[in-house]
PDB file of all heavy atoms in Angstrom:
ATOM      1  N   ILE A   1       7.849   2.735   7.914  1.00  0.00           N
ATOM      2  CA  ILE A   1       7.781   2.353   6.511  1.00  0.00           C
ATOM      3  C   ILE A   1       9.038   1.600   6.097  1.00  0.00           C
ATOM      4  O   ILE A   1       9.004   0.736   5.211  1.00  0.00           O
ATOM      5  CB  ILE A   1       7.572   3.608   5.636  1.00  0.00           C
ATOM      6  CG1 ILE A   1       6.209   4.241   5.965  1.00  0.00           C
ATOM      7  CG2 ILE A   1       7.654   3.290   4.146  1.00  0.00           C
ATOM      8  CD1 ILE A   1       5.918   5.517   5.203  1.00  0.00           C
ATOM      9  N   ALA A   2      10.157   1.884   6.757  1.00  0.00           N
ATOM     10  CA  ALA A   2      11.425   1.207   6.431  1.00  0.00           C
ATOM     11  C   ALA A   2      11.453  -0.240   6.905  1.00  0.00           C
ATOM     12  O   ALA A   2      12.202  -1.065   6.367  1.00  0.00           O
ATOM     13  CB  ALA A   2      12.591   1.976   7.042  1.00  0.00           C
ATOM     14  N   GLU A   3      10.639  -0.592   7.891  1.00  0.00           N
ATOM     15  CA  GLU A   3      10.690  -1.925   8.482  1.00  0.00           C
ATOM     16  C   GLU A   3      10.051  -2.986   7.591  1.00  0.00           C
ATOM     17  O   GLU A   3       9.248  -2.684   6.715  1.00  0.00           O
ATOM     18  CB  GLU A   3       9.959  -1.918   9.839  1.00  0.00           C
ATOM     19  CG  GLU A   3      10.599  -1.020  10.880  1.00  0.00           C
ATOM     20  CD  GLU A   3       9.758  -0.930  12.140  1.00  0.00           C
ATOM     21  OE1 GLU A   3       8.612  -1.458  12.130  1.00  0.00           O
ATOM     22  OE2 GLU A   3      10.237  -0.345  13.131  1.00  0.00           O
ATOM     23  N   HIS A   4      10.411  -4.246   7.842  1.00  0.00           N
ATOM     24  CA  HIS A   4       9.645  -5.359   7.281  1.00  0.00           C
ATOM     25  C   HIS A   4       8.304  -5.401   8.007  1.00  0.00           C
ATOM     26  O   HIS A   4       8.257  -5.366   9.239  1.00  0.00           O
ATOM     27  CB  HIS A   4      10.401  -6.671   7.462  1.00  0.00           C
ATOM     28  CG  HIS A   4      11.605  -6.781   6.583  1.00  0.00           C
ATOM     29  ND1 HIS A   4      12.310  -7.958   6.418  1.00  0.00           N
ATOM     30  CD2 HIS A   4      12.225  -5.862   5.792  1.00  0.00           C
ATOM     31  CE1 HIS A   4      13.304  -7.760   5.591  1.00  0.00           C
ATOM     32  NE2 HIS A   4      13.289  -6.491   5.203  1.00  0.00           N
ATOM     33  N   GLN A   5       7.224  -5.467   7.258  1.00  0.00           N
ATOM     34  CA  GLN A   5       5.891  -5.250   7.817  1.00  0.00           C
ATOM     35  C   GLN A   5       5.043  -6.518   7.777  1.00  0.00           C
ATOM     36  O   GLN A   5       5.240  -7.383   6.920  1.00  0.00           O
ATOM     37  CB  GLN A   5       5.186  -4.136   7.025  1.00  0.00           C
ATOM     38  CG  GLN A   5       5.962  -2.836   7.003  1.00  0.00           C
ATOM     39  CD  GLN A   5       5.400  -1.834   6.008  1.00  0.00           C
ATOM     40  OE1 GLN A   5       4.342  -2.049   5.411  1.00  0.00           O
ATOM     41  NE2 GLN A   5       6.100  -0.719   5.817  1.00  0.00           N
ATOM     42  N   ASP A   6       4.102  -6.597   8.723  1.00  0.00           N
ATOM     43  CA  ASP A   6       3.113  -7.683   8.700  1.00  0.00           C
ATOM     44  C   ASP A   6       2.126  -7.420   7.567  1.00  0.00           C
ATOM     45  O   ASP A   6       1.553  -6.330   7.490  1.00  0.00           O
ATOM     46  CB  ASP A   6       2.362  -7.765  10.029  1.00  0.00           C
ATOM     47  CG  ASP A   6       3.257  -8.176  11.180  1.00  0.00           C
ATOM     48  OD1 ASP A   6       4.108  -9.064  10.970  1.00  0.00           O
ATOM     49  OD2 ASP A   6       3.123  -7.598  12.274  1.00  0.00           O
ATOM     50  N   PRO A   7       1.906  -8.397   6.683  1.00  0.00           N
ATOM     51  CA  PRO A   7       0.986  -8.166   5.570  1.00  0.00           C
ATOM     52  C   PRO A   7      -0.472  -8.109   6.019  1.00  0.00           C
ATOM     53  O   PRO A   7      -0.852  -8.747   7.002  1.00  0.00           O
ATOM     54  CB  PRO A   7       1.234  -9.372   4.653  1.00  0.00           C
ATOM     55  CG  PRO A   7       1.748 -10.444   5.559  1.00  0.00           C
ATOM     56  CD  PRO A   7       2.513  -9.733   6.644  1.00  0.00           C
ATOM     57  N   ASP A   8      -1.284  -7.320   5.333  1.00  0.00           N
ATOM     58  CA  ASP A   8      -2.730  -7.316   5.552  1.00  0.00           C
ATOM     59  C   ASP A   8      -3.410  -7.065   4.207  1.00  0.00           C
ATOM     60  O   ASP A   8      -2.764  -7.115   3.155  1.00  0.00           O
ATOM     61  CB  ASP A   8      -3.141  -6.293   6.614  1.00  0.00           C
ATOM     62  CG  ASP A   8      -2.752  -4.863   6.258  1.00  0.00           C
ATOM     63  OD1 ASP A   8      -2.654  -4.555   5.059  1.00  0.00           O
ATOM     64  OD2 ASP A   8      -2.558  -4.045   7.157  1.00  0.00           O
ATOM     65  N   LEU A   9      -4.701  -6.787   4.225  1.00  0.00           N
ATOM     66  CA  LEU A   9      -5.429  -6.608   2.968  1.00  0.00           C
ATOM     67  C   LEU A   9      -4.978  -5.360   2.204  1.00  0.00           C
ATOM     68  O   LEU A   9      -5.170  -5.269   0.987  1.00  0.00           O
ATOM     69  CB  LEU A   9      -6.936  -6.532   3.242  1.00  0.00           C
ATOM     70  CG  LEU A   9      -7.591  -7.805   3.793  1.00  0.00           C
ATOM     71  CD1 LEU A   9      -9.058  -7.543   4.092  1.00  0.00           C
ATOM     72  CD2 LEU A   9      -7.438  -8.957   2.812  1.00  0.00           C
ATOM     73  N   GLY A  10      -4.432  -4.389   2.905  1.00  0.00           N
ATOM     74  CA  GLY A  10      -3.924  -3.204   2.239  1.00  0.00           C
ATOM     75  C   GLY A  10      -4.985  -2.227   1.784  1.00  0.00           C
ATOM     76  O   GLY A  10      -4.717  -1.377   0.936  1.00  0.00           O
ATOM     77  N   ILE A  11      -6.178  -2.319   2.341  1.00  0.00           N
ATOM     78  CA  ILE A  11      -7.252  -1.398   1.939  1.00  0.00           C
ATOM     79  C   ILE A  11      -7.174  -0.105   2.747  1.00  0.00           C
ATOM     80  O   ILE A  11      -7.293   0.990   2.195  1.00  0.00           O
ATOM     81  CB  ILE A  11      -8.627  -2.077   2.114  1.00  0.00           C
ATOM     82  CG1 ILE A  11      -8.737  -3.273   1.160  1.00  0.00           C
ATOM     83  CG2 ILE A  11      -9.755  -1.087   1.857  1.00  0.00           C
ATOM     84  CD1 ILE A  11     -10.004  -4.078   1.321  1.00  0.00           C
ATOM     85  N   VAL A  12      -6.967  -0.225   4.056  1.00  0.00           N
ATOM     86  CA  VAL A  12      -6.891   0.943   4.940  1.00  0.00           C
ATOM     87  C   VAL A  12      -5.446   1.139   5.395  1.00  0.00           C
ATOM     88  O   VAL A  12      -4.841   0.223   5.956  1.00  0.00           O
ATOM     89  CB  VAL A  12      -7.807   0.769   6.169  1.00  0.00           C
ATOM     90  CG1 VAL A  12      -7.711   1.989   7.078  1.00  0.00           C
ATOM     91  CG2 VAL A  12      -9.245   0.535   5.740  1.00  0.00           C
ATOM     92  N   LEU A  13      -4.896   2.323   5.163  1.00  0.00           N
ATOM     93  CA  LEU A  13      -3.555   2.633   5.637  1.00  0.00           C
ATOM     94  C   LEU A  13      -3.593   2.919   7.132  1.00  0.00           C
ATOM     95  O   LEU A  13      -4.453   3.664   7.614  1.00  0.00           O
ATOM     96  CB  LEU A  13      -3.008   3.861   4.898  1.00  0.00           C
ATOM     97  CG  LEU A  13      -1.594   4.309   5.284  1.00  0.00           C
ATOM     98  CD1 LEU A  13      -0.563   3.296   4.793  1.00  0.00           C
ATOM     99  CD2 LEU A  13      -1.286   5.697   4.714  1.00  0.00           C
ATOM    100  N   LYS A  14      -2.660   2.323   7.887  1.00  0.00           N
ATOM    101  CA  LYS A  14      -2.585   2.584   9.319  1.00  0.00           C
ATOM    102  C   LYS A  14      -2.064   3.997   9.574  1.00  0.00           C
ATOM    103  O   LYS A  14      -1.380   4.588   8.741  1.00  0.00           O
ATOM    104  CB  LYS A  14      -1.684   1.555   9.997  1.00  0.00           C
ATOM    105  CG  LYS A  14      -2.257   0.141   9.966  1.00  0.00           C
ATOM    106  CD  LYS A  14      -1.341  -0.842  10.685  1.00  0.00           C
ATOM    107  CE  LYS A  14      -1.924  -2.246  10.671  1.00  0.00           C
ATOM    108  NZ  LYS A  14      -1.029  -3.231  11.321  1.00  0.00           N
ATOM    109  N   ARG A  15      -2.383   4.517  10.767  1.00  0.00           N
ATOM    110  CA  ARG A  15      -2.110   5.918  11.084  1.00  0.00           C
ATOM    111  C   ARG A  15      -0.644   6.299  10.881  1.00  0.00           C
ATOM    112  O   ARG A  15      -0.343   7.371  10.369  1.00  0.00           O
ATOM    113  CB  ARG A  15      -2.534   6.212  12.527  1.00  0.00           C
ATOM    114  CG  ARG A  15      -2.130   7.597  13.013  1.00  0.00           C
ATOM    115  CD  ARG A  15      -2.720   7.921  14.358  1.00  0.00           C
ATOM    116  NE  ARG A  15      -2.054   9.049  14.981  1.00  0.00           N
ATOM    117  CZ  ARG A  15      -2.223  10.324  14.634  1.00  0.00           C
ATOM    118  NH1 ARG A  15      -3.034  10.617  13.649  1.00  0.00           N
ATOM    119  NH2 ARG A  15      -1.589  11.296  15.259  1.00  0.00           N
ATOM    120  N   ASN A  16       0.291   5.429  11.241  1.00  0.00           N
ATOM    121  CA  ASN A  16       1.711   5.770  11.121  1.00  0.00           C
ATOM    122  C   ASN A  16       2.340   5.277   9.816  1.00  0.00           C
ATOM    123  O   ASN A  16       3.529   5.442   9.589  1.00  0.00           O
ATOM    124  CB  ASN A  16       2.498   5.224  12.309  1.00  0.00           C
ATOM    125  CG  ASN A  16       2.375   3.718  12.453  1.00  0.00           C
ATOM    126  OD1 ASN A  16       1.788   3.032  11.606  1.00  0.00           O
ATOM    127  ND2 ASN A  16       2.923   3.176  13.535  1.00  0.00           N
ATOM    128  N   GLY A  17       1.535   4.650   8.963  1.00  0.00           N
ATOM    129  CA  GLY A  17       2.050   4.157   7.685  1.00  0.00           C
ATOM    130  C   GLY A  17       2.730   2.817   7.763  1.00  0.00           C
ATOM    131  O   GLY A  17       3.419   2.399   6.815  1.00  0.00           O
ATOM    132  N   SER A  18       2.555   2.076   8.865  1.00  0.00           N
ATOM    133  CA  SER A  18       3.298   0.832   9.083  1.00  0.00           C
ATOM    134  C   SER A  18       2.833  -0.336   8.220  1.00  0.00           C
ATOM    135  O   SER A  18       3.426  -1.409   8.282  1.00  0.00           O
ATOM    136  CB  SER A  18       3.221   0.433  10.569  1.00  0.00           C
ATOM    137  OG  SER A  18       1.876   0.263  10.974  1.00  0.00           O
ATOM    138  N   ASN A  19       1.776  -0.146   7.424  1.00  0.00           N
ATOM    139  CA  ASN A  19       1.371  -1.182   6.470  1.00  0.00           C
ATOM    140  C   ASN A  19       1.382  -0.644   5.040  1.00  0.00           C
ATOM    141  O   ASN A  19       0.624  -1.096   4.180  1.00  0.00           O
ATOM    142  CB  ASN A  19      -0.013  -1.741   6.823  1.00  0.00           C
ATOM    143  CG  ASN A  19      -1.125  -0.717   6.630  1.00  0.00           C
ATOM    144  OD1 ASN A  19      -0.882   0.479   6.742  1.00  0.00           O
ATOM    145  ND2 ASN A  19      -2.325  -1.170   6.320  1.00  0.00           N
ATOM    146  N   THR A  20       2.270   0.323   4.787  1.00  0.00           N
ATOM    147  CA  THR A  20       2.342   0.935   3.462  1.00  0.00           C
ATOM    148  C   THR A  20       2.620  -0.099   2.377  1.00  0.00           C
ATOM    149  O   THR A  20       2.073  -0.009   1.263  1.00  0.00           O
ATOM    150  CB  THR A  20       3.421   2.030   3.437  1.00  0.00           C
ATOM    151  OG1 THR A  20       3.114   3.022   4.421  1.00  0.00           O
ATOM    152  CG2 THR A  20       3.498   2.705   2.077  1.00  0.00           C
ATOM    153  N   ALA A  21       3.453  -1.092   2.671  1.00  0.00           N
ATOM    154  CA  ALA A  21       3.775  -2.122   1.681  1.00  0.00           C
ATOM    155  C   ALA A  21       2.519  -2.865   1.240  1.00  0.00           C
ATOM    156  O   ALA A  21       2.339  -3.162   0.057  1.00  0.00           O
ATOM    157  CB  ALA A  21       4.805  -3.093   2.247  1.00  0.00           C
ATOM    158  N   SER A  22       1.629  -3.169   2.183  1.00  0.00           N
ATOM    159  CA  SER A  22       0.380  -3.864   1.840  1.00  0.00           C
ATOM    160  C   SER A  22      -0.530  -2.969   1.005  1.00  0.00           C
ATOM    161  O   SER A  22      -1.191  -3.437   0.073  1.00  0.00           O
ATOM    162  CB  SER A  22      -0.344  -4.307   3.115  1.00  0.00           C
ATOM    163  OG  SER A  22       0.397  -5.292   3.807  1.00  0.00           O
ATOM    164  N   VAL A  23      -0.584  -1.659   1.343  1.00  0.00           N
ATOM    165  CA  VAL A  23      -1.406  -0.724   0.578  1.00  0.00           C
ATOM    166  C   VAL A  23      -0.893  -0.622  -0.858  1.00  0.00           C
ATOM    167  O   VAL A  23      -1.668  -0.644  -1.823  1.00  0.00           O
ATOM    168  CB  VAL A  23      -1.415   0.655   1.263  1.00  0.00           C
ATOM    169  CG1 VAL A  23      -2.105   1.697   0.380  1.00  0.00           C
ATOM    170  CG2 VAL A  23      -2.120   0.571   2.612  1.00  0.00           C
ATOM    171  N   ILE A  24       0.426  -0.524  -1.016  1.00  0.00           N
ATOM    172  CA  ILE A  24       1.025  -0.460  -2.357  1.00  0.00           C
ATOM    173  C   ILE A  24       0.723  -1.734  -3.133  1.00  0.00           C
ATOM    174  O   ILE A  24       0.358  -1.693  -4.322  1.00  0.00           O
ATOM    175  CB  ILE A  24       2.544  -0.236  -2.249  1.00  0.00           C
ATOM    176  CG1 ILE A  24       2.846   1.146  -1.635  1.00  0.00           C
ATOM    177  CG2 ILE A  24       3.214  -0.396  -3.603  1.00  0.00           C
ATOM    178  CD1 ILE A  24       2.344   2.317  -2.454  1.00  0.00           C
ATOM    179  N   ASN A  25       0.849  -2.873  -2.475  1.00  0.00           N
ATOM    180  CA  ASN A  25       0.581  -4.150  -3.129  1.00  0.00           C
ATOM    181  C   ASN A  25      -0.872  -4.238  -3.599  1.00  0.00           C
ATOM    182  O   ASN A  25      -1.168  -4.687  -4.711  1.00  0.00           O
ATOM    183  CB  ASN A  25       0.903  -5.297  -2.173  1.00  0.00           C
ATOM    184  CG  ASN A  25       0.938  -6.642  -2.856  1.00  0.00           C
ATOM    185  OD1 ASN A  25       1.479  -6.787  -3.955  1.00  0.00           O
ATOM    186  ND2 ASN A  25       0.377  -7.644  -2.212  1.00  0.00           N
ATOM    187  N   HIS A  26      -1.808  -3.780  -2.758  1.00  0.00           N
ATOM    188  CA  HIS A  26      -3.231  -3.818  -3.126  1.00  0.00           C
ATOM    189  C   HIS A  26      -3.516  -2.882  -4.300  1.00  0.00           C
ATOM    190  O   HIS A  26      -4.235  -3.248  -5.242  1.00  0.00           O
ATOM    191  CB  HIS A  26      -4.081  -3.428  -1.922  1.00  0.00           C
ATOM    192  CG  HIS A  26      -5.532  -3.252  -2.250  1.00  0.00           C
ATOM    193  ND1 HIS A  26      -6.391  -4.309  -2.461  1.00  0.00           N
ATOM    194  CD2 HIS A  26      -6.282  -2.121  -2.431  1.00  0.00           C
ATOM    195  CE1 HIS A  26      -7.602  -3.860  -2.754  1.00  0.00           C
ATOM    196  NE2 HIS A  26      -7.564  -2.529  -2.739  1.00  0.00           N
ATOM    197  N   LEU A  27      -2.957  -1.680  -4.263  1.00  0.00           N
ATOM    198  CA  LEU A  27      -3.189  -0.730  -5.345  1.00  0.00           C
ATOM    199  C   LEU A  27      -2.612  -1.248  -6.663  1.00  0.00           C
ATOM    200  O   LEU A  27      -3.244  -1.120  -7.721  1.00  0.00           O
ATOM    201  CB  LEU A  27      -2.561   0.623  -4.997  1.00  0.00           C
ATOM    202  CG  LEU A  27      -3.206   1.416  -3.860  1.00  0.00           C
ATOM    203  CD1 LEU A  27      -2.402   2.669  -3.562  1.00  0.00           C
ATOM    204  CD2 LEU A  27      -4.643   1.786  -4.190  1.00  0.00           C
ATOM    205  N   ARG A  28      -1.430  -1.834  -6.603  1.00  0.00           N
ATOM    206  CA  ARG A  28      -0.791  -2.323  -7.820  1.00  0.00           C
ATOM    207  C   ARG A  28      -1.604  -3.434  -8.471  1.00  0.00           C
ATOM    208  O   ARG A  28      -1.694  -3.525  -9.697  1.00  0.00           O
ATOM    209  CB  ARG A  28       0.614  -2.822  -7.484  1.00  0.00           C
ATOM    210  CG  ARG A  28       1.442  -3.279  -8.689  1.00  0.00           C
ATOM    211  CD  ARG A  28       2.868  -3.567  -8.270  1.00  0.00           C
ATOM    212  NE  ARG A  28       2.901  -4.579  -7.216  1.00  0.00           N
ATOM    213  CZ  ARG A  28       2.865  -5.893  -7.444  1.00  0.00           C
ATOM    214  NH1 ARG A  28       2.783  -6.353  -8.671  1.00  0.00           N
ATOM    215  NH2 ARG A  28       2.919  -6.741  -6.435  1.00  0.00           N
ATOM    216  N   LYS A  29      -2.249  -4.272  -7.646  1.00  0.00           N
ATOM    217  CA  LYS A  29      -3.009  -5.403  -8.176  1.00  0.00           C
ATOM    218  C   LYS A  29      -4.455  -5.054  -8.513  1.00  0.00           C
ATOM    219  O   LYS A  29      -5.004  -5.561  -9.495  1.00  0.00           O
ATOM    220  CB  LYS A  29      -2.998  -6.551  -7.157  1.00  0.00           C
ATOM    221  CG  LYS A  29      -1.630  -7.197  -6.974  1.00  0.00           C
ATOM    222  CD  LYS A  29      -1.707  -8.326  -5.950  1.00  0.00           C
ATOM    223  CE  LYS A  29      -0.365  -9.027  -5.796  1.00  0.00           C
ATOM    224  NZ  LYS A  29      -0.418 -10.124  -4.789  1.00  0.00           N
ATOM    225  N   SER A  30      -5.074  -4.190  -7.704  1.00  0.00           N
ATOM    226  CA  SER A  30      -6.519  -3.985  -7.830  1.00  0.00           C
ATOM    227  C   SER A  30      -6.934  -2.586  -8.285  1.00  0.00           C
ATOM    228  O   SER A  30      -8.056  -2.398  -8.759  1.00  0.00           O
ATOM    229  CB  SER A  30      -7.203  -4.290  -6.485  1.00  0.00           C
ATOM    230  OG  SER A  30      -6.902  -5.598  -6.045  1.00  0.00           O
ATOM    231  N   LYS A  31      -6.087  -1.592  -8.117  1.00  0.00           N
ATOM    232  CA  LYS A  31      -6.415  -0.216  -8.478  1.00  0.00           C
ATOM    233  C   LYS A  31      -5.272   0.361  -9.301  1.00  0.00           C
ATOM    234  O   LYS A  31      -4.565   1.271  -8.877  1.00  0.00           O
ATOM    235  CB  LYS A  31      -6.648   0.629  -7.214  1.00  0.00           C
ATOM    236  CG  LYS A  31      -7.826   0.179  -6.368  1.00  0.00           C
ATOM    237  CD  LYS A  31      -9.147   0.475  -7.043  1.00  0.00           C
ATOM    238  CE  LYS A  31     -10.322   0.034  -6.213  1.00  0.00           C
ATOM    239  NZ  LYS A  31     -11.616   0.352  -6.851  1.00  0.00           N
ATOM    240  N   LYS A  32      -5.098  -0.182 -10.504  1.00  0.00           N
ATOM    241  CA  LYS A  32      -3.946   0.159 -11.336  1.00  0.00           C
ATOM    242  C   LYS A  32      -3.890   1.654 -11.647  1.00  0.00           C
ATOM    243  O   LYS A  32      -2.807   2.255 -11.656  1.00  0.00           O
ATOM    244  CB  LYS A  32      -4.016  -0.644 -12.640  1.00  0.00           C
ATOM    245  CG  LYS A  32      -2.772  -0.537 -13.519  1.00  0.00           C
ATOM    246  CD  LYS A  32      -1.576  -1.170 -12.839  1.00  0.00           C
ATOM    247  CE  LYS A  32      -0.426  -1.392 -13.827  1.00  0.00           C
ATOM    248  NZ  LYS A  32      -0.014  -0.187 -14.544  1.00  0.00           N
ATOM    249  N   MET A  33      -5.022   2.274 -11.880  1.00  0.00           N
ATOM    250  CA  MET A  33      -5.029   3.702 -12.197  1.00  0.00           C
ATOM    251  C   MET A  33      -4.526   4.521 -11.018  1.00  0.00           C
ATOM    252  O   MET A  33      -3.731   5.457 -11.181  1.00  0.00           O
ATOM    253  CB  MET A  33      -6.434   4.146 -12.591  1.00  0.00           C
ATOM    254  CG  MET A  33      -6.515   5.592 -13.067  1.00  0.00           C
ATOM    255  SD  MET A  33      -8.190   6.060 -13.558  1.00  0.00           S
ATOM    256  CE  MET A  33      -8.434   4.963 -14.962  1.00  0.00           C
ATOM    257  N   HIS A  34      -4.982   4.178  -9.809  1.00  0.00           N
ATOM    258  CA  HIS A  34      -4.508   4.870  -8.611  1.00  0.00           C
ATOM    259  C   HIS A  34      -3.015   4.636  -8.411  1.00  0.00           C
ATOM    260  O   HIS A  34      -2.275   5.559  -8.037  1.00  0.00           O
ATOM    261  CB  HIS A  34      -5.275   4.395  -7.380  1.00  0.00           C
ATOM    262  CG  HIS A  34      -6.678   4.893  -7.329  1.00  0.00           C
ATOM    263  ND1 HIS A  34      -7.510   4.666  -6.247  1.00  0.00           N
ATOM    264  CD2 HIS A  34      -7.412   5.614  -8.203  1.00  0.00           C
ATOM    265  CE1 HIS A  34      -8.686   5.220  -6.482  1.00  0.00           C
ATOM    266  NE2 HIS A  34      -8.644   5.799  -7.660  1.00  0.00           N
ATOM    267  N   PHE A  35      -2.571   3.407  -8.647  1.00  0.00           N
ATOM    268  CA  PHE A  35      -1.155   3.086  -8.473  1.00  0.00           C
ATOM    269  C   PHE A  35      -0.292   3.879  -9.453  1.00  0.00           C
ATOM    270  O   PHE A  35       0.762   4.411  -9.081  1.00  0.00           O
ATOM    271  CB  PHE A  35      -0.931   1.583  -8.670  1.00  0.00           C
ATOM    272  CG  PHE A  35       0.509   1.169  -8.575  1.00  0.00           C
ATOM    273  CD1 PHE A  35       1.155   1.129  -7.352  1.00  0.00           C
ATOM    274  CD2 PHE A  35       1.230   0.834  -9.724  1.00  0.00           C
ATOM    275  CE1 PHE A  35       2.490   0.758  -7.262  1.00  0.00           C
ATOM    276  CE2 PHE A  35       2.551   0.463  -9.645  1.00  0.00           C
ATOM    277  CZ  PHE A  35       3.186   0.415  -8.406  1.00  0.00           C
ATOM    278  N   ASP A  36      -0.733   3.978 -10.706  1.00  0.00           N
ATOM    279  CA  ASP A  36       0.036   4.726 -11.697  1.00  0.00           C
ATOM    280  C   ASP A  36       0.108   6.201 -11.333  1.00  0.00           C
ATOM    281  O   ASP A  36       1.161   6.844 -11.497  1.00  0.00           O
ATOM    282  CB  ASP A  36      -0.601   4.564 -13.082  1.00  0.00           C
ATOM    283  CG  ASP A  36      -0.428   3.155 -13.646  1.00  0.00           C
ATOM    284  OD1 ASP A  36       0.438   2.422 -13.128  1.00  0.00           O
ATOM    285  OD2 ASP A  36      -1.165   2.791 -14.575  1.00  0.00           O
ATOM    286  N   ARG A  37      -0.987   6.759 -10.828  1.00  0.00           N
ATOM    287  CA  ARG A  37      -0.983   8.166 -10.405  1.00  0.00           C
ATOM    288  C   ARG A  37      -0.039   8.365  -9.224  1.00  0.00           C
ATOM    289  O   ARG A  37       0.688   9.360  -9.150  1.00  0.00           O
ATOM    290  CB  ARG A  37      -2.402   8.601 -10.020  1.00  0.00           C
ATOM    291  CG  ARG A  37      -3.323   8.804 -11.190  1.00  0.00           C
ATOM    292  CD  ARG A  37      -3.022  10.107 -11.912  1.00  0.00           C
ATOM    293  NE  ARG A  37      -3.422  11.264 -11.117  1.00  0.00           N
ATOM    294  CZ  ARG A  37      -2.895  12.474 -11.237  1.00  0.00           C
ATOM    295  NH1 ARG A  37      -1.907  12.668 -12.084  1.00  0.00           N
ATOM    296  NH2 ARG A  37      -3.318  13.474 -10.499  1.00  0.00           N
ATOM    297  N   LEU A  38      -0.050   7.406  -8.290  1.00  0.00           N
ATOM    298  CA  LEU A  38       0.860   7.472  -7.143  1.00  0.00           C
ATOM    299  C   LEU A  38       2.303   7.506  -7.629  1.00  0.00           C
ATOM    300  O   LEU A  38       3.111   8.311  -7.144  1.00  0.00           O
ATOM    301  CB  LEU A  38       0.609   6.278  -6.212  1.00  0.00           C
ATOM    302  CG  LEU A  38       1.432   6.180  -4.933  1.00  0.00           C
ATOM    303  CD1 LEU A  38       0.627   5.471  -3.833  1.00  0.00           C
ATOM    304  CD2 LEU A  38       2.732   5.426  -5.142  1.00  0.00           C
ATOM    305  N   CYS A  39       2.643   6.647  -8.572  1.00  0.00           N
ATOM    306  CA  CYS A  39       4.017   6.603  -9.082  1.00  0.00           C
ATOM    307  C   CYS A  39       4.383   7.892  -9.806  1.00  0.00           C
ATOM    308  O   CYS A  39       5.534   8.351  -9.736  1.00  0.00           O
ATOM    309  CB  CYS A  39       4.199   5.400 -10.005  1.00  0.00           C
ATOM    310  SG  CYS A  39       4.136   3.806  -9.152  1.00  0.00           S
ATOM    311  N   GLU A  40       3.420   8.498 -10.511  1.00  0.00           N
ATOM    312  CA  GLU A  40       3.679   9.769 -11.185  1.00  0.00           C
ATOM    313  C   GLU A  40       4.031  10.855 -10.170  1.00  0.00           C
ATOM    314  O   GLU A  40       4.989  11.621 -10.363  1.00  0.00           O
ATOM    315  CB  GLU A  40       2.450  10.190 -11.990  1.00  0.00           C
ATOM    316  CG  GLU A  40       2.192   9.361 -13.237  1.00  0.00           C
ATOM    317  CD  GLU A  40       0.904   9.764 -13.934  1.00  0.00           C
ATOM    318  OE1 GLU A  40       0.348  10.836 -13.570  1.00  0.00           O
ATOM    319  OE2 GLU A  40       0.436   9.025 -14.809  1.00  0.00           O
TER     320      GLU A  40
END
């Protein structure tokens, strides 16, 4: 999660979390309610 990551659609989180940045980006843009709950 600390590394600079290859971007993807961010819909499915990879097993080790190596695309967490893409998942966060997708949630922030497309699933605002989920993103706000995550931040809480």
